[in-house]
Amino acid sequence: MGIISWIVLGGLVGWVASMIMRKNASMGVLANIIVGIIGAFIGGFIMNLIGKYGITGFNIKSFLVALVGAVVLLAIINLIRKGKVR
């Protein structure tokens, strides 16, 4: 995947994850992209731990893996900031 694909996938994943975690109003475009890209790395790491492949390209499986990672990232950030997941 090229850099543009990472940015687009990261933006979409970050946006959906922020809506799931009810953080959409407090996050901008850049924050969504960053959360989505870091979430893709976290999701890929989690998939490698269980013996599966992580991000394989611009497809629905990669989107879902990155989404899980982004939701985990936002949950950890909420836990650190507020002491609760949501």
N, C-alpha and C. Protein backbone atom coordinates (compact mmCIF):
# COMPACT_ATOMS: atom_id res chain seq x y z
N MET A 1 0.84 -1.18 0.00
CA MET A 1 0.00 0.00 0.00
C MET A 1 0.88 1.24 0.00
N GLY A 2 0.50 2.21 -0.78
CA GLY A 2 1.23 3.45 -0.84
C GLY A 2 0.79 4.41 0.27
N ILE A 3 1.49 5.51 0.34
CA ILE A 3 1.22 6.50 1.40
C ILE A 3 -0.18 7.09 1.28
N ILE A 4 -0.65 7.30 0.06
CA ILE A 4 -1.99 7.86 -0.13
C ILE A 4 -3.05 6.86 0.36
N SER A 5 -2.83 5.58 0.09
CA SER A 5 -3.76 4.55 0.57
C SER A 5 -3.81 4.51 2.09
N TRP A 6 -2.64 4.63 2.73
CA TRP A 6 -2.59 4.65 4.19
C TRP A 6 -3.36 5.85 4.74
N ILE A 7 -3.22 6.99 4.11
CA ILE A 7 -3.90 8.20 4.57
C ILE A 7 -5.41 8.05 4.41
N VAL A 8 -5.84 7.56 3.24
CA VAL A 8 -7.28 7.40 3.00
C VAL A 8 -7.87 6.35 3.94
N LEU A 9 -7.23 5.18 4.03
CA LEU A 9 -7.71 4.13 4.93
C LEU A 9 -7.70 4.62 6.38
N GLY A 10 -6.63 5.30 6.77
CA GLY A 10 -6.53 5.84 8.13
C GLY A 10 -7.63 6.84 8.43
N GLY A 11 -7.91 7.71 7.48
CA GLY A 11 -8.97 8.70 7.68
C GLY A 11 -10.34 8.06 7.84
N LEU A 12 -10.64 7.10 6.98
CA LEU A 12 -11.94 6.41 7.07
C LEU A 12 -12.06 5.61 8.36
N VAL A 13 -11.01 4.86 8.68
CA VAL A 13 -11.04 4.05 9.90
C VAL A 13 -11.13 4.93 11.15
N GLY A 14 -10.33 5.99 11.19
CA GLY A 14 -10.36 6.90 12.33
C GLY A 14 -11.71 7.55 12.52
N TRP A 15 -12.35 7.91 11.41
CA TRP A 15 -13.66 8.54 11.47
C TRP A 15 -14.71 7.57 12.02
N VAL A 16 -14.73 6.34 11.49
CA VAL A 16 -15.70 5.34 11.97
C VAL A 16 -15.43 4.99 13.44
N ALA A 17 -14.15 4.82 13.79
CA ALA A 17 -13.81 4.50 15.19
C ALA A 17 -14.22 5.63 16.13
N SER A 18 -14.04 6.88 15.70
CA SER A 18 -14.43 8.01 16.56
C SER A 18 -15.95 8.07 16.74
N MET A 19 -16.71 7.65 15.70
CA MET A 19 -18.16 7.60 15.86
C MET A 19 -18.57 6.46 16.79
N ILE A 20 -17.89 5.32 16.71
CA ILE A 20 -18.20 4.19 17.59
C ILE A 20 -17.92 4.56 19.04
N MET A 21 -16.81 5.25 19.27
CA MET A 21 -16.41 5.60 20.64
C MET A 21 -16.98 6.95 21.09
N ARG A 22 -17.86 7.54 20.29
CA ARG A 22 -18.51 8.83 20.60
C ARG A 22 -17.51 9.95 20.84
N LYS A 23 -16.48 10.02 19.99
CA LYS A 23 -15.46 11.07 20.07
C LYS A 23 -15.45 11.91 18.81
N ASN A 24 -16.42 11.74 17.92
CA ASN A 24 -16.40 12.38 16.62
C ASN A 24 -16.39 13.90 16.71
N ALA A 25 -17.10 14.46 17.65
CA ALA A 25 -17.18 15.91 17.77
C ALA A 25 -15.87 16.53 18.22
N SER A 26 -15.05 15.79 18.95
CA SER A 26 -13.81 16.35 19.47
C SER A 26 -12.59 16.03 18.62
N MET A 27 -12.77 15.30 17.54
CA MET A 27 -11.65 14.91 16.69
C MET A 27 -11.77 15.55 15.32
N GLY A 28 -10.66 16.02 14.80
CA GLY A 28 -10.63 16.59 13.47
C GLY A 28 -10.13 15.58 12.45
N VAL A 29 -9.94 16.05 11.23
CA VAL A 29 -9.49 15.18 10.15
C VAL A 29 -8.12 14.60 10.43
N LEU A 30 -7.19 15.44 10.86
CA LEU A 30 -5.82 14.97 11.12
C LEU A 30 -5.80 13.94 12.25
N ALA A 31 -6.58 14.18 13.30
CA ALA A 31 -6.64 13.22 14.41
C ALA A 31 -7.24 11.90 13.94
N ASN A 32 -8.26 11.95 13.07
CA ASN A 32 -8.84 10.72 12.54
C ASN A 32 -7.83 9.93 11.73
N ILE A 33 -7.04 10.61 10.91
CA ILE A 33 -6.02 9.94 10.10
C ILE A 33 -4.98 9.29 10.99
N ILE A 34 -4.51 10.02 11.99
CA ILE A 34 -3.49 9.49 12.90
C ILE A 34 -4.02 8.29 13.68
N VAL A 35 -5.23 8.41 14.21
CA VAL A 35 -5.83 7.29 14.96
C VAL A 35 -6.02 6.09 14.04
N GLY A 36 -6.44 6.31 12.81
CA GLY A 36 -6.64 5.21 11.87
C GLY A 36 -5.34 4.51 11.50
N ILE A 37 -4.28 5.25 11.27
CA ILE A 37 -2.99 4.65 10.90
C ILE A 37 -2.40 3.90 12.09
N ILE A 38 -2.41 4.51 13.26
CA ILE A 38 -1.89 3.82 14.45
C ILE A 38 -2.78 2.61 14.77
N GLY A 39 -4.08 2.75 14.58
CA GLY A 39 -5.00 1.63 14.77
C GLY A 39 -4.71 0.48 13.83
N ALA A 40 -4.29 0.79 12.60
CA ALA A 40 -3.93 -0.27 11.66
C ALA A 40 -2.72 -1.04 12.16
N PHE A 41 -1.74 -0.34 12.71
CA PHE A 41 -0.58 -1.02 13.28
C PHE A 41 -0.97 -1.88 14.48
N ILE A 42 -1.81 -1.34 15.35
CA ILE A 42 -2.26 -2.10 16.52
C ILE A 42 -3.08 -3.32 16.09
N GLY A 43 -4.00 -3.13 15.16
CA GLY A 43 -4.80 -4.24 14.66
C GLY A 43 -3.95 -5.31 13.99
N GLY A 44 -2.95 -4.88 13.21
CA GLY A 44 -2.04 -5.84 12.59
C GLY A 44 -1.23 -6.60 13.61
N PHE A 45 -0.82 -5.92 14.66
CA PHE A 45 -0.08 -6.57 15.74
C PHE A 45 -0.94 -7.61 16.45
N ILE A 46 -2.19 -7.26 16.73
CA ILE A 46 -3.12 -8.18 17.38
C ILE A 46 -3.36 -9.41 16.49
N MET A 47 -3.53 -9.18 15.20
CA MET A 47 -3.75 -10.30 14.28
C MET A 47 -2.52 -11.20 14.21
N ASN A 48 -1.32 -10.63 14.23
CA ASN A 48 -0.10 -11.44 14.23
C ASN A 48 0.02 -12.27 15.49
N LEU A 49 -0.46 -11.75 16.61
CA LEU A 49 -0.41 -12.50 17.86
C LEU A 49 -1.26 -13.76 17.81
N ILE A 50 -2.36 -13.70 17.08
CA ILE A 50 -3.23 -14.88 16.99
C ILE A 50 -2.93 -15.71 15.74
N GLY A 51 -1.89 -15.36 15.02
CA GLY A 51 -1.44 -16.17 13.89
C GLY A 51 -2.10 -15.89 12.56
N LYS A 52 -2.69 -14.75 12.41
CA LYS A 52 -3.36 -14.37 11.15
C LYS A 52 -2.60 -13.20 10.52
N TYR A 53 -2.97 -12.88 9.29
CA TYR A 53 -2.40 -11.73 8.61
C TYR A 53 -3.17 -10.47 8.97
N GLY A 54 -2.47 -9.36 9.06
CA GLY A 54 -3.10 -8.09 9.43
C GLY A 54 -3.58 -7.33 8.21
N ILE A 55 -2.95 -6.21 7.95
CA ILE A 55 -3.32 -5.34 6.84
C ILE A 55 -2.74 -5.92 5.55
N THR A 56 -3.62 -6.26 4.60
CA THR A 56 -3.17 -6.89 3.36
C THR A 56 -3.39 -6.02 2.13
N GLY A 57 -3.90 -4.85 2.29
CA GLY A 57 -4.18 -3.95 1.17
C GLY A 57 -5.41 -3.12 1.48
N PHE A 58 -5.92 -2.50 0.45
CA PHE A 58 -7.10 -1.64 0.61
C PHE A 58 -8.35 -2.49 0.35
N ASN A 59 -8.78 -3.22 1.39
CA ASN A 59 -9.95 -4.10 1.27
C ASN A 59 -10.71 -4.10 2.59
N ILE A 60 -11.84 -4.81 2.63
CA ILE A 60 -12.72 -4.79 3.80
C ILE A 60 -12.07 -5.46 5.01
N LYS A 61 -11.29 -6.52 4.78
CA LYS A 61 -10.62 -7.20 5.89
C LYS A 61 -9.63 -6.25 6.56
N SER A 62 -8.85 -5.55 5.76
CA SER A 62 -7.89 -4.60 6.32
C SER A 62 -8.60 -3.47 7.05
N PHE A 63 -9.74 -3.03 6.50
CA PHE A 63 -10.53 -1.99 7.15
C PHE A 63 -10.99 -2.45 8.53
N LEU A 64 -11.49 -3.67 8.62
CA LEU A 64 -11.99 -4.18 9.90
C LEU A 64 -10.86 -4.39 10.91
N VAL A 65 -9.71 -4.87 10.44
CA VAL A 65 -8.55 -5.05 11.32
C VAL A 65 -8.11 -3.70 11.87
N ALA A 66 -8.02 -2.71 10.98
CA ALA A 66 -7.61 -1.37 11.41
C ALA A 66 -8.66 -0.75 12.34
N LEU A 67 -9.94 -1.02 12.07
CA LEU A 67 -11.01 -0.48 12.91
C LEU A 67 -10.93 -1.03 14.33
N VAL A 68 -10.68 -2.33 14.45
CA VAL A 68 -10.51 -2.92 15.79
C VAL A 68 -9.34 -2.27 16.51
N GLY A 69 -8.23 -2.10 15.81
CA GLY A 69 -7.07 -1.46 16.42
C GLY A 69 -7.33 -0.02 16.83
N ALA A 70 -8.06 0.72 15.99
CA ALA A 70 -8.37 2.12 16.30
C ALA A 70 -9.32 2.23 17.50
N VAL A 71 -10.29 1.33 17.59
CA VAL A 71 -11.20 1.34 18.74
C VAL A 71 -10.43 1.00 20.02
N VAL A 72 -9.51 0.04 19.93
CA VAL A 72 -8.66 -0.29 21.08
C VAL A 72 -7.83 0.92 21.49
N LEU A 73 -7.26 1.61 20.51
CA LEU A 73 -6.46 2.81 20.80
C LEU A 73 -7.29 3.89 21.48
N LEU A 74 -8.48 4.17 20.96
CA LEU A 74 -9.33 5.19 21.58
C LEU A 74 -9.80 4.78 22.97
N ALA A 75 -10.04 3.48 23.16
CA ALA A 75 -10.43 3.00 24.50
C ALA A 75 -9.29 3.19 25.49
N ILE A 76 -8.06 2.91 25.07
CA ILE A 76 -6.90 3.11 25.95
C ILE A 76 -6.72 4.59 26.27
N ILE A 77 -6.89 5.44 25.26
CA ILE A 77 -6.76 6.90 25.50
C ILE A 77 -7.83 7.37 26.47
N ASN A 78 -9.08 6.92 26.31
CA ASN A 78 -10.15 7.29 27.24
C ASN A 78 -9.88 6.78 28.64
N LEU A 79 -9.34 5.57 28.74
CA LEU A 79 -9.03 4.99 30.05
C LEU A 79 -7.96 5.81 30.77
N ILE A 80 -6.97 6.26 30.04
CA ILE A 80 -5.91 7.06 30.64
C ILE A 80 -6.42 8.44 31.04
N ARG A 81 -7.20 9.08 30.17
CA ARG A 81 -7.67 10.44 30.43
C ARG A 81 -8.78 10.51 31.46
N LYS A 82 -9.77 9.62 31.36
CA LYS A 82 -10.97 9.74 32.18
C LYS A 82 -11.14 8.62 33.20
N GLY A 83 -10.35 7.59 33.09
CA GLY A 83 -10.48 6.48 34.01
C GLY A 83 -11.56 5.49 33.66
N LYS A 84 -12.18 5.66 32.48
CA LYS A 84 -13.17 4.71 32.01
C LYS A 84 -13.05 4.58 30.49
N VAL A 85 -13.52 3.47 29.95
CA VAL A 85 -13.36 3.20 28.54
C VAL A 85 -14.21 4.12 27.69
N ARG A 86 -15.44 4.36 28.05
CA ARG A 86 -16.30 5.27 27.28
C ARG A 86 -16.55 6.50 28.00
